Amino acid sequence: MDEPRSRYDDPHVGVDEVERGVVFEDAKNEAGAGDFYYGEMEARRHALSTRRGERALLATYWMLSGYGQRAGRALVAIVLLVVILFALLTQFGLPDNTTLQQMTGTIPPAVAGQTQQVTLEVRPAPATLPPQGQRWTTDRMSKAIRIALGSVVFRDTDQKLTPAGTWTVMAGRAFGPLLLALTALAIRTRVKR
């Protein structure tokens, strides 16, 4: 008979632990069941029989929230996301707001007895970044932190952004709710203990 490739792959090593985990869950011992779940996920992550994709997913889940058991990690991940969004928006995402739109037109004299209709087409000014030395101002940082916090919880500020700023906000809208859900799960698990 072949030997297991790692100690986590041996099906006979952990039968007692599995039975103990079921007892924890049946006895409503949330703390013991949570510790058992954490160990079970660690075993899956370290097992050599686990595929690379699943191992990467488990490693990310472990790193971000300790398999939904560590609220502190999830809170740190949210704060880190907001700080990264803030820095990217301040540096690359907010356009220079000194660009003004201008309309220039000539209205010919009206023909006697006829009303005249004028249609003006205004194109938005291109979103350009201010010079490097003027990007980290109080006003820009204030806007950036509001947009960063809003993007994490799907709030739209109607702020004009550069293309890089638009992608930054979209990333915040993708990862923010995920991290909020992991935080809520971890807090719920911690409170139940």
Protein backbone atom coordinates (compact mmCIF):
# COMPACT_ATOMS: atom_id res chain seq x y z
CA MET A 1 0.00 0.00 0.00
CA ASP A 2 1.29 3.47 -0.91
CA GLU A 3 2.11 5.87 1.86
CA PRO A 4 0.26 9.18 1.94
CA ARG A 5 2.07 12.11 0.33
CA SER A 6 1.66 14.26 3.44
CA ARG A 7 0.31 13.78 6.93
CA TYR A 8 -2.87 15.63 5.90
CA ASP A 9 -3.63 13.12 3.12
CA ASP A 10 -3.86 10.07 5.39
CA PRO A 11 -7.58 9.20 5.74
CA HIS A 12 -7.01 7.36 9.01
CA VAL A 13 -5.28 10.16 10.85
CA GLY A 14 -8.15 12.41 11.99
CA VAL A 15 -11.10 10.06 12.47
CA ASP A 16 -11.13 10.92 16.18
CA GLU A 17 -10.92 14.61 15.33
CA VAL A 18 -13.90 14.33 12.95
CA GLU A 19 -15.95 12.59 15.61
CA ARG A 20 -14.93 15.28 18.11
CA GLY A 21 -16.00 18.01 15.67
CA VAL A 22 -19.44 16.46 15.29
CA VAL A 23 -19.75 16.30 19.08
CA PHE A 24 -18.84 20.01 19.31
CA GLU A 25 -21.51 20.94 16.79
CA ASP A 26 -24.16 18.73 18.40
CA ALA A 27 -23.43 20.09 21.87
CA LYS A 28 -23.71 23.70 20.56
CA ASN A 29 -20.11 24.28 21.62
CA GLU A 30 -19.50 27.13 19.14
CA ALA A 31 -15.94 27.81 20.30
CA GLY A 32 -14.88 24.19 19.92
CA ALA A 33 -16.68 23.83 16.60
CA GLY A 34 -15.03 27.03 15.32
CA ASP A 35 -11.59 25.78 16.31
CA PHE A 36 -12.33 22.45 14.68
CA TYR A 37 -13.46 24.19 11.48
CA TYR A 38 -10.27 26.28 11.45
CA GLY A 39 -8.15 23.12 11.80
CA GLU A 40 -10.13 21.34 9.11
CA MET A 41 -9.58 24.21 6.67
CA GLU A 42 -5.87 24.32 7.54
CA ALA A 43 -5.63 20.61 6.76
CA ARG A 44 -7.33 21.16 3.40
CA ARG A 45 -5.03 24.07 2.57
CA HIS A 46 -1.85 22.13 3.42
CA ALA A 47 -2.85 18.79 1.87
CA LEU A 48 -0.79 17.93 -1.19
CA SER A 49 -3.86 16.39 -2.81
CA THR A 50 -5.58 19.78 -2.87
CA ARG A 51 -5.50 21.39 -6.32
CA ARG A 52 -3.57 24.60 -6.84
CA GLY A 53 -6.64 26.74 -7.55
CA GLU A 54 -8.41 25.53 -4.43
CA ARG A 55 -5.24 25.96 -2.40
CA ALA A 56 -4.89 29.56 -3.63
CA LEU A 57 -8.54 30.25 -2.78
CA LEU A 58 -8.13 28.73 0.69
CA ALA A 59 -4.92 30.71 1.26
CA THR A 60 -6.71 33.94 0.34
CA TYR A 61 -9.65 33.06 2.60
CA TRP A 62 -7.21 32.29 5.44
CA MET A 63 -5.24 35.50 4.89
CA LEU A 64 -8.28 37.81 4.67
CA SER A 65 -10.42 36.47 7.50
CA GLY A 66 -8.93 33.36 9.06
CA TYR A 67 -11.58 31.18 7.38
CA GLY A 68 -14.32 33.47 8.68
CA GLN A 69 -13.09 33.00 12.27
CA ARG A 70 -10.80 36.03 12.75
CA ALA A 71 -12.65 39.36 12.68
CA GLY A 72 -9.46 41.39 13.15
CA ARG A 73 -7.96 40.19 9.88
CA ALA A 74 -11.10 41.10 7.96
CA LEU A 75 -11.20 44.58 9.52
CA VAL A 76 -7.53 45.13 8.70
CA ALA A 77 -8.23 44.05 5.09
CA ILE A 78 -11.05 46.63 4.80
CA VAL A 79 -8.88 49.40 6.23
CA LEU A 80 -6.03 48.41 3.90
CA LEU A 81 -8.40 48.47 0.90
CA VAL A 82 -9.63 51.97 1.80
CA VAL A 83 -6.05 53.23 2.26
CA ILE A 84 -5.00 51.82 -1.13
CA LEU A 85 -8.07 53.30 -2.84
CA PHE A 86 -7.42 56.66 -1.15
CA ALA A 87 -3.79 56.75 -2.31
CA LEU A 88 -4.63 55.71 -5.88
CA LEU A 89 -7.48 58.21 -6.16
CA THR A 90 -5.41 61.06 -4.77
CA GLN A 91 -2.46 60.32 -7.03
CA PHE A 92 -4.14 59.20 -10.26
CA GLY A 93 -7.93 59.33 -9.97
CA LEU A 94 -9.06 62.90 -9.41
CA PRO A 95 -8.78 65.28 -12.37
CA ASP A 96 -7.67 68.87 -12.14
CA ASN A 97 -10.86 70.79 -11.45
CA THR A 98 -9.59 74.09 -12.84
CA THR A 99 -10.53 73.12 -16.40
CA LEU A 100 -13.57 75.17 -17.39
CA GLN A 101 -15.97 74.44 -20.19
CA GLN A 102 -16.37 77.28 -22.65
CA MET A 103 -19.11 77.94 -25.18
CA THR A 104 -18.56 80.27 -28.08
CA GLY A 105 -21.15 80.96 -30.71
CA THR A 106 -22.53 83.57 -33.03
CA ILE A 107 -26.23 84.29 -33.24
CA PRO A 108 -27.15 85.88 -36.56
CA PRO A 109 -29.80 88.60 -36.53
CA ALA A 110 -33.32 87.21 -36.51
CA VAL A 111 -35.31 87.28 -39.69
CA ALA A 112 -38.38 89.54 -39.33
CA GLY A 113 -41.36 87.70 -37.87
CA GLN A 114 -39.58 84.40 -37.33
CA THR A 115 -38.42 82.90 -34.04
CA GLN A 116 -34.89 81.69 -33.87
CA GLN A 117 -33.78 78.43 -32.24
CA VAL A 118 -30.17 77.93 -31.20
CA THR A 119 -28.76 74.55 -30.19
CA LEU A 120 -25.44 74.42 -28.38
CA GLU A 121 -23.46 71.21 -28.03
CA VAL A 122 -21.15 71.17 -25.04
CA ARG A 123 -18.54 68.48 -24.79
CA PRO A 124 -17.12 67.75 -21.37
CA ALA A 125 -13.61 68.92 -20.77
CA PRO A 126 -11.05 66.10 -20.75
CA ALA A 127 -10.10 64.77 -17.31
CA THR A 128 -6.48 65.75 -16.82
CA LEU A 129 -4.33 65.36 -13.75
CA PRO A 130 -2.84 68.40 -12.03
CA PRO A 131 0.94 68.77 -11.88
CA GLN A 132 2.72 66.27 -9.62
CA GLY A 133 3.32 68.81 -6.84
CA GLN A 134 -0.37 69.74 -6.60
CA ARG A 135 -1.88 66.26 -6.27
CA TRP A 136 -1.67 65.83 -2.49
CA THR A 137 -3.68 68.85 -1.37
CA THR A 138 -6.20 68.85 1.48
CA ASP A 139 -9.11 69.33 -0.91
CA ARG A 140 -8.06 66.43 -3.17
CA MET A 141 -7.39 64.14 -0.20
CA SER A 142 -10.78 64.97 1.28
CA LYS A 143 -12.51 64.09 -1.99
CA ALA A 144 -10.42 60.92 -2.36
CA ILE A 145 -11.27 59.57 1.10
CA ARG A 146 -15.00 60.24 0.58
CA ILE A 147 -14.93 58.47 -2.78
CA ALA A 148 -12.85 55.56 -1.41
CA LEU A 149 -15.20 54.99 1.53
CA GLY A 150 -18.23 55.37 -0.72
CA SER A 151 -16.93 52.88 -3.26
CA VAL A 152 -16.58 50.19 -0.61
CA VAL A 153 -20.32 50.41 0.18
CA PHE A 154 -21.61 51.09 -3.38
CA ARG A 155 -22.29 54.80 -3.00
CA ASP A 156 -21.91 56.97 -6.09
CA THR A 157 -20.57 60.48 -5.57
CA ASP A 158 -21.04 61.77 -9.14
CA GLN A 159 -17.45 62.98 -8.97
CA LYS A 160 -15.71 63.27 -12.30
CA LEU A 161 -12.76 60.86 -12.37
CA THR A 162 -9.90 60.03 -14.69
CA PRO A 163 -10.01 56.61 -16.38
CA ALA A 164 -7.61 55.29 -13.71
CA GLY A 165 -9.91 56.69 -11.03
CA THR A 166 -12.92 54.97 -12.58
CA TRP A 167 -11.13 51.61 -12.51
CA THR A 168 -10.01 52.24 -8.93
CA VAL A 169 -13.60 52.87 -7.81
CA MET A 170 -14.78 49.76 -9.68
CA ALA A 171 -12.16 47.69 -7.83
CA GLY A 172 -13.40 49.14 -4.54
CA ARG A 173 -16.97 48.23 -5.46
CA ALA A 174 -15.89 44.67 -6.24
CA PHE A 175 -13.70 43.97 -3.20
CA GLY A 176 -15.41 46.19 -0.61
CA PRO A 177 -18.65 44.20 -0.24
CA LEU A 178 -16.70 40.93 -0.23
CA LEU A 179 -14.54 42.14 2.65
CA LEU A 180 -17.57 43.54 4.46
CA ALA A 181 -19.26 40.15 4.18
CA LEU A 182 -16.16 38.37 5.51
CA THR A 183 -16.04 40.86 8.38
CA ALA A 184 -19.71 40.30 9.19
CA LEU A 185 -19.21 36.53 9.10
CA ALA A 186 -16.18 36.72 11.38
CA ILE A 187 -17.92 39.07 13.82
CA ARG A 188 -20.99 36.82 13.87
CA THR A 189 -18.77 33.83 14.62
CA ARG A 190 -16.96 35.74 17.36
CA VAL A 191 -20.23 36.92 18.97
CA LYS A 192 -21.72 33.40 18.95
CA ARG A 193 -18.76 32.14 20.95
